[in-house]
């Protein structure tokens, strides 16, 4: 099972993940850092969006693990 992992300490709050998949990612109201709403992609489409978010994250704060 693939899981989405976010490192809030590395996050710069660019919000690219939220723009890519607002159903999976949000931003903290306190500091704008990433908040993962769903740790496991529900289907192949969600997994593809998660991969895209990981790829475009400017601070490399997101990753996928098995």
PDB file of N, CA and C in Angstrom:
ATOM      1  N   UNK A   1       0.851  -1.179   0.000  1.00  0.00           N
ATOM      2  CA  UNK A   1       0.000   0.000   0.000  1.00  0.00           C
ATOM      3  C   UNK A   1       0.898   1.243   0.000  1.00  0.00           C
ATOM      4  N   UNK A   2       0.635   2.135  -0.901  1.00  0.00           N
ATOM      5  CA  UNK A   2       1.399   3.369  -1.007  1.00  0.00           C
ATOM      6  C   UNK A   2       0.863   4.409  -0.031  1.00  0.00           C
ATOM      7  N   UNK A   3       1.792   5.079   0.654  1.00  0.00           N
ATOM      8  CA  UNK A   3       1.420   6.133   1.602  1.00  0.00           C
ATOM      9  C   UNK A   3       2.094   7.434   1.188  1.00  0.00           C
ATOM     10  N   UNK A   4       1.403   8.525   1.439  1.00  0.00           N
ATOM     11  CA  UNK A   4       1.942   9.859   1.189  1.00  0.00           C
ATOM     12  C   UNK A   4       2.568  10.350   2.488  1.00  0.00           C
ATOM     13  N   UNK A   5       3.807  10.806   2.393  1.00  0.00           N
ATOM     14  CA  UNK A   5       4.527  11.305   3.552  1.00  0.00           C
ATOM     15  C   UNK A   5       4.885  12.767   3.299  1.00  0.00           C
ATOM     16  N   UNK A   6       4.609  13.622   4.274  1.00  0.00           N
ATOM     17  CA  UNK A   6       4.933  15.041   4.168  1.00  0.00           C
ATOM     18  C   UNK A   6       5.851  15.450   5.302  1.00  0.00           C
ATOM     19  N   UNK A   7       6.876  16.210   4.955  1.00  0.00           N
ATOM     20  CA  UNK A   7       7.813  16.749   5.940  1.00  0.00           C
ATOM     21  C   UNK A   7       7.514  18.242   6.084  1.00  0.00           C
ATOM     22  N   UNK A   8       6.715  18.593   7.074  1.00  0.00           N
ATOM     23  CA  UNK A   8       6.295  19.987   7.265  1.00  0.00           C
ATOM     24  C   UNK A   8       7.482  20.903   7.545  1.00  0.00           C
ATOM     25  N   UNK A   9       8.564  20.360   8.096  1.00  0.00           N
ATOM     26  CA  UNK A   9       9.750  21.179   8.366  1.00  0.00           C
ATOM     27  C   UNK A   9      10.440  21.631   7.078  1.00  0.00           C
ATOM     28  N   UNK A  10      10.323  20.841   6.020  1.00  0.00           N
ATOM     29  CA  UNK A  10      10.923  21.194   4.725  1.00  0.00           C
ATOM     30  C   UNK A  10       9.994  22.040   3.872  1.00  0.00           C
ATOM     31  N   UNK A  11       8.712  21.968   4.137  1.00  0.00           N
ATOM     32  CA  UNK A  11       7.709  22.649   3.317  1.00  0.00           C
ATOM     33  C   UNK A  11       7.891  24.165   3.372  1.00  0.00           C
ATOM     34  N   UNK A  12       7.815  24.802   2.188  1.00  0.00           N
ATOM     35  CA  UNK A  12       7.924  26.264   2.108  1.00  0.00           C
ATOM     36  C   UNK A  12       6.566  26.927   1.871  1.00  0.00           C
ATOM     37  N   UNK A  13       5.505  26.133   1.825  1.00  0.00           N
ATOM     38  CA  UNK A  13       4.160  26.681   1.692  1.00  0.00           C
ATOM     39  C   UNK A  13       3.817  27.185   0.307  1.00  0.00           C
ATOM     40  N   UNK A  14       4.445  26.638  -0.726  1.00  0.00           N
ATOM     41  CA  UNK A  14       4.176  27.077  -2.098  1.00  0.00           C
ATOM     42  C   UNK A  14       2.768  26.696  -2.560  1.00  0.00           C
ATOM     43  N   UNK A  15       2.210  25.645  -2.005  1.00  0.00           N
ATOM     44  CA  UNK A  15       0.836  25.260  -2.310  1.00  0.00           C
ATOM     45  C   UNK A  15       0.646  24.501  -3.609  1.00  0.00           C
ATOM     46  N   UNK A  16       1.729  24.067  -4.249  1.00  0.00           N
ATOM     47  CA  UNK A  16       1.608  23.337  -5.504  1.00  0.00           C
ATOM     48  C   UNK A  16       0.868  22.016  -5.317  1.00  0.00           C
ATOM     49  N   UNK A  17       1.051  21.387  -4.177  1.00  0.00           N
ATOM     50  CA  UNK A  17       0.360  20.127  -3.905  1.00  0.00           C
ATOM     51  C   UNK A  17      -1.153  20.340  -3.833  1.00  0.00           C
ATOM     52  N   UNK A  18      -1.559  21.416  -3.205  1.00  0.00           N
ATOM     53  CA  UNK A  18      -2.989  21.718  -3.078  1.00  0.00           C
ATOM     54  C   UNK A  18      -3.594  22.004  -4.447  1.00  0.00           C
ATOM     55  N   UNK A  19      -2.860  22.720  -5.277  1.00  0.00           N
ATOM     56  CA  UNK A  19      -3.346  22.995  -6.628  1.00  0.00           C
ATOM     57  C   UNK A  19      -3.440  21.723  -7.455  1.00  0.00           C
ATOM     58  N   UNK A  20      -2.546  20.776  -7.208  1.00  0.00           N
ATOM     59  CA  UNK A  20      -2.543  19.507  -7.937  1.00  0.00           C
ATOM     60  C   UNK A  20      -3.667  18.599  -7.479  1.00  0.00           C
ATOM     61  N   UNK A  21      -3.906  18.534  -6.185  1.00  0.00           N
ATOM     62  CA  UNK A  21      -4.933  17.626  -5.653  1.00  0.00           C
ATOM     63  C   UNK A  21      -5.504  18.155  -4.336  1.00  0.00           C
ATOM     64  N   UNK A  22      -6.474  19.059  -4.412  1.00  0.00           N
ATOM     65  CA  UNK A  22      -7.055  19.636  -3.191  1.00  0.00           C
ATOM     66  C   UNK A  22      -7.834  18.643  -2.343  1.00  0.00           C
ATOM     67  N   UNK A  23      -8.139  17.482  -2.875  1.00  0.00           N
ATOM     68  CA  UNK A  23      -8.806  16.460  -2.082  1.00  0.00           C
ATOM     69  C   UNK A  23      -7.857  15.689  -1.184  1.00  0.00           C
ATOM     70  N   UNK A  24      -6.572  15.773  -1.489  1.00  0.00           N
ATOM     71  CA  UNK A  24      -5.562  15.045  -0.725  1.00  0.00           C
ATOM     72  C   UNK A  24      -4.714  15.964   0.141  1.00  0.00           C
ATOM     73  N   UNK A  25      -4.491  17.195  -0.345  1.00  0.00           N
ATOM     74  CA  UNK A  25      -3.601  18.120   0.345  1.00  0.00           C
ATOM     75  C   UNK A  25      -4.319  19.409   0.724  1.00  0.00           C
ATOM     76  N   UNK A  26      -3.864  20.000   1.805  1.00  0.00           N
ATOM     77  CA  UNK A  26      -4.331  21.311   2.237  1.00  0.00           C
ATOM     78  C   UNK A  26      -3.124  22.031   2.818  1.00  0.00           C
ATOM     79  N   UNK A  27      -3.340  23.269   3.255  1.00  0.00           N
ATOM     80  CA  UNK A  27      -2.276  24.032   3.883  1.00  0.00           C
ATOM     81  C   UNK A  27      -2.716  24.466   5.265  1.00  0.00           C
ATOM     82  N   UNK A  28      -1.776  24.447   6.203  1.00  0.00           N
ATOM     83  CA  UNK A  28      -2.035  24.865   7.568  1.00  0.00           C
ATOM     84  C   UNK A  28      -2.405  26.344   7.593  1.00  0.00           C
ATOM     85  N   UNK A  29      -3.414  26.685   8.355  1.00  0.00           N
ATOM     86  CA  UNK A  29      -3.797  28.085   8.489  1.00  0.00           C
ATOM     87  C   UNK A  29      -2.774  28.864   9.304  1.00  0.00           C
ATOM     88  N   UNK A  30      -1.998  28.160  10.118  1.00  0.00           N
ATOM     89  CA  UNK A  30      -0.991  28.816  10.951  1.00  0.00           C
ATOM     90  C   UNK A  30       0.194  29.318  10.150  1.00  0.00           C
ATOM     91  N   UNK A  31       0.777  28.429   9.320  1.00  0.00           N
ATOM     92  CA  UNK A  31       2.009  28.802   8.624  1.00  0.00           C
ATOM     93  C   UNK A  31       2.034  28.445   7.145  1.00  0.00           C
ATOM     94  N   UNK A  32       0.943  27.902   6.625  1.00  0.00           N
ATOM     95  CA  UNK A  32       0.859  27.593   5.201  1.00  0.00           C
ATOM     96  C   UNK A  32       1.534  26.305   4.777  1.00  0.00           C
ATOM     97  N   UNK A  33       2.066  25.539   5.727  1.00  0.00           N
ATOM     98  CA  UNK A  33       2.729  24.294   5.362  1.00  0.00           C
ATOM     99  C   UNK A  33       1.713  23.208   5.028  1.00  0.00           C
ATOM    100  N   UNK A  34       2.209  22.190   4.358  1.00  0.00           N
ATOM    101  CA  UNK A  34       1.360  21.119   3.853  1.00  0.00           C
ATOM    102  C   UNK A  34       0.664  20.345   4.980  1.00  0.00           C
ATOM    103  N   UNK A  35      -0.581  19.985   4.699  1.00  0.00           N
ATOM    104  CA  UNK A  35      -1.363  19.084   5.543  1.00  0.00           C
ATOM    105  C   UNK A  35      -1.887  18.000   4.609  1.00  0.00           C
ATOM    106  N   UNK A  36      -1.605  16.747   4.932  1.00  0.00           N
ATOM    107  CA  UNK A  36      -2.091  15.632   4.122  1.00  0.00           C
ATOM    108  C   UNK A  36      -3.459  15.215   4.665  1.00  0.00           C
ATOM    109  N   UNK A  37      -4.468  15.313   3.810  1.00  0.00           N
ATOM    110  CA  UNK A  37      -5.834  14.975   4.219  1.00  0.00           C
ATOM    111  C   UNK A  37      -6.103  13.478   4.104  1.00  0.00           C
ATOM    112  N   UNK A  38      -5.463  12.825   3.129  1.00  0.00           N
ATOM    113  CA  UNK A  38      -5.611  11.379   2.936  1.00  0.00           C
ATOM    114  C   UNK A  38      -4.224  10.793   2.743  1.00  0.00           C
ATOM    115  N   UNK A  39      -3.779   9.971   3.675  1.00  0.00           N
ATOM    116  CA  UNK A  39      -2.425   9.414   3.630  1.00  0.00           C
ATOM    117  C   UNK A  39      -2.244   8.321   2.581  1.00  0.00           C
ATOM    118  N   UNK A  40      -3.334   7.689   2.168  1.00  0.00           N
ATOM    119  CA  UNK A  40      -3.243   6.630   1.167  1.00  0.00           C
ATOM    120  C   UNK A  40      -4.140   6.971  -0.015  1.00  0.00           C
ATOM    121  N   UNK A  41      -3.586   6.990  -1.220  1.00  0.00           N
ATOM    122  CA  UNK A  41      -4.401   7.258  -2.408  1.00  0.00           C
ATOM    123  C   UNK A  41      -5.496   6.205  -2.563  1.00  0.00           C
ATOM    124  N   UNK A  42      -6.693   6.661  -2.862  1.00  0.00           N
ATOM    125  CA  UNK A  42      -7.855   5.775  -2.917  1.00  0.00           C
ATOM    126  C   UNK A  42      -7.883   4.888  -4.165  1.00  0.00           C
ATOM    127  N   UNK A  43      -7.292   5.370  -5.266  1.00  0.00           N
ATOM    128  CA  UNK A  43      -7.323   4.612  -6.516  1.00  0.00           C
ATOM    129  C   UNK A  43      -6.139   5.034  -7.390  1.00  0.00           C
ATOM    130  N   UNK A  44      -6.071   4.494  -8.584  1.00  0.00           N
ATOM    131  CA  UNK A  44      -4.941   4.778  -9.470  1.00  0.00           C
ATOM    132  C   UNK A  44      -4.871   6.253  -9.859  1.00  0.00           C
ATOM    133  N   UNK A  45      -6.019   6.878 -10.063  1.00  0.00           N
ATOM    134  CA  UNK A  45      -6.029   8.305 -10.414  1.00  0.00           C
ATOM    135  C   UNK A  45      -5.489   9.153  -9.266  1.00  0.00           C
ATOM    136  N   UNK A  46      -5.890   8.831  -8.051  1.00  0.00           N
ATOM    137  CA  UNK A  46      -5.400   9.559  -6.873  1.00  0.00           C
ATOM    138  C   UNK A  46      -3.901   9.335  -6.699  1.00  0.00           C
ATOM    139  N   UNK A  47      -3.439   8.131  -6.981  1.00  0.00           N
ATOM    140  CA  UNK A  47      -2.009   7.837  -6.884  1.00  0.00           C
ATOM    141  C   UNK A  47      -1.232   8.657  -7.917  1.00  0.00           C
ATOM    142  N   UNK A  48      -1.759   8.772  -9.114  1.00  0.00           N
ATOM    143  CA  UNK A  48      -1.090   9.559 -10.142  1.00  0.00           C
ATOM    144  C   UNK A  48      -1.019  11.038  -9.758  1.00  0.00           C
ATOM    145  N   UNK A  49      -2.087  11.562  -9.175  1.00  0.00           N
ATOM    146  CA  UNK A  49      -2.069  12.960  -8.715  1.00  0.00           C
ATOM    147  C   UNK A  49      -1.062  13.140  -7.579  1.00  0.00           C
ATOM    148  N   UNK A  50      -0.975  12.155  -6.699  1.00  0.00           N
ATOM    149  CA  UNK A  50       0.005  12.225  -5.606  1.00  0.00           C
ATOM    150  C   UNK A  50       1.419  12.209  -6.162  1.00  0.00           C
ATOM    151  N   UNK A  51       1.667  11.375  -7.158  1.00  0.00           N
ATOM    152  CA  UNK A  51       2.992  11.341  -7.790  1.00  0.00           C
ATOM    153  C   UNK A  51       3.326  12.692  -8.414  1.00  0.00           C
ATOM    154  N   UNK A  52       2.344  13.302  -9.052  1.00  0.00           N
ATOM    155  CA  UNK A  52       2.565  14.618  -9.656  1.00  0.00           C
ATOM    156  C   UNK A  52       2.895  15.657  -8.586  1.00  0.00           C
ATOM    157  N   UNK A  53       2.166  15.625  -7.483  1.00  0.00           N
ATOM    158  CA  UNK A  53       2.419  16.573  -6.387  1.00  0.00           C
ATOM    159  C   UNK A  53       3.825  16.387  -5.822  1.00  0.00           C
ATOM    160  N   UNK A  54       4.249  15.138  -5.660  1.00  0.00           N
ATOM    161  CA  UNK A  54       5.608  14.855  -5.177  1.00  0.00           C
ATOM    162  C   UNK A  54       6.637  15.418  -6.154  1.00  0.00           C
ATOM    163  N   UNK A  55       6.393  15.220  -7.432  1.00  0.00           N
ATOM    164  CA  UNK A  55       7.349  15.645  -8.454  1.00  0.00           C
ATOM    165  C   UNK A  55       7.492  17.158  -8.548  1.00  0.00           C
ATOM    166  N   UNK A  56       6.404  17.901  -8.319  1.00  0.00           N
ATOM    167  CA  UNK A  56       6.480  19.351  -8.500  1.00  0.00           C
ATOM    168  C   UNK A  56       6.724  20.121  -7.203  1.00  0.00           C
ATOM    169  N   UNK A  57       6.785  19.429  -6.079  1.00  0.00           N
ATOM    170  CA  UNK A  57       7.021  20.110  -4.805  1.00  0.00           C
ATOM    171  C   UNK A  57       8.393  20.794  -4.833  1.00  0.00           C
ATOM    172  N   UNK A  58       8.438  22.134  -4.725  1.00  0.00           N
ATOM    173  CA  UNK A  58       9.713  22.845  -4.840  1.00  0.00           C
ATOM    174  C   UNK A  58      10.687  22.583  -3.697  1.00  0.00           C
ATOM    175  N   UNK A  59      10.195  22.182  -2.548  1.00  0.00           N
ATOM    176  CA  UNK A  59      11.088  21.952  -1.408  1.00  0.00           C
ATOM    177  C   UNK A  59      11.337  20.472  -1.143  1.00  0.00           C
ATOM    178  N   UNK A  60      10.753  19.612  -1.994  1.00  0.00           N
ATOM    179  CA  UNK A  60      10.889  18.162  -1.825  1.00  0.00           C
ATOM    180  C   UNK A  60      10.395  17.701  -0.467  1.00  0.00           C
ATOM    181  N   UNK A  61       9.296  18.299  -0.025  1.00  0.00           N
ATOM    182  CA  UNK A  61       8.722  17.964   1.278  1.00  0.00           C
ATOM    183  C   UNK A  61       7.792  16.749   1.212  1.00  0.00           C
ATOM    184  N   UNK A  62       7.463  16.296   0.014  1.00  0.00           N
ATOM    185  CA  UNK A  62       6.543  15.171  -0.151  1.00  0.00           C
ATOM    186  C   UNK A  62       7.277  13.959  -0.694  1.00  0.00           C
ATOM    187  N   UNK A  63       6.814  12.786  -0.268  1.00  0.00           N
ATOM    188  CA  UNK A  63       7.347  11.541  -0.813  1.00  0.00           C
ATOM    189  C   UNK A  63       6.268  10.474  -0.725  1.00  0.00           C
ATOM    190  N   UNK A  64       6.508   9.381  -1.457  1.00  0.00           N
ATOM    191  CA  UNK A  64       5.624   8.222  -1.423  1.00  0.00           C
ATOM    192  C   UNK A  64       6.424   7.039  -0.894  1.00  0.00           C
ATOM    193  N   UNK A  65       5.809   6.243  -0.040  1.00  0.00           N
ATOM    194  CA  UNK A  65       6.448   5.047   0.489  1.00  0.00           C
ATOM    195  C   UNK A  65       5.526   3.858   0.267  1.00  0.00           C
ATOM    196  N   UNK A  66       6.106   2.688   0.209  1.00  0.00           N
ATOM    197  CA  UNK A  66       5.332   1.439   0.069  1.00  0.00           C
ATOM    198  C   UNK A  66       5.066   0.845   1.419  1.00  0.00           C
TER     199      UNK A  66
END
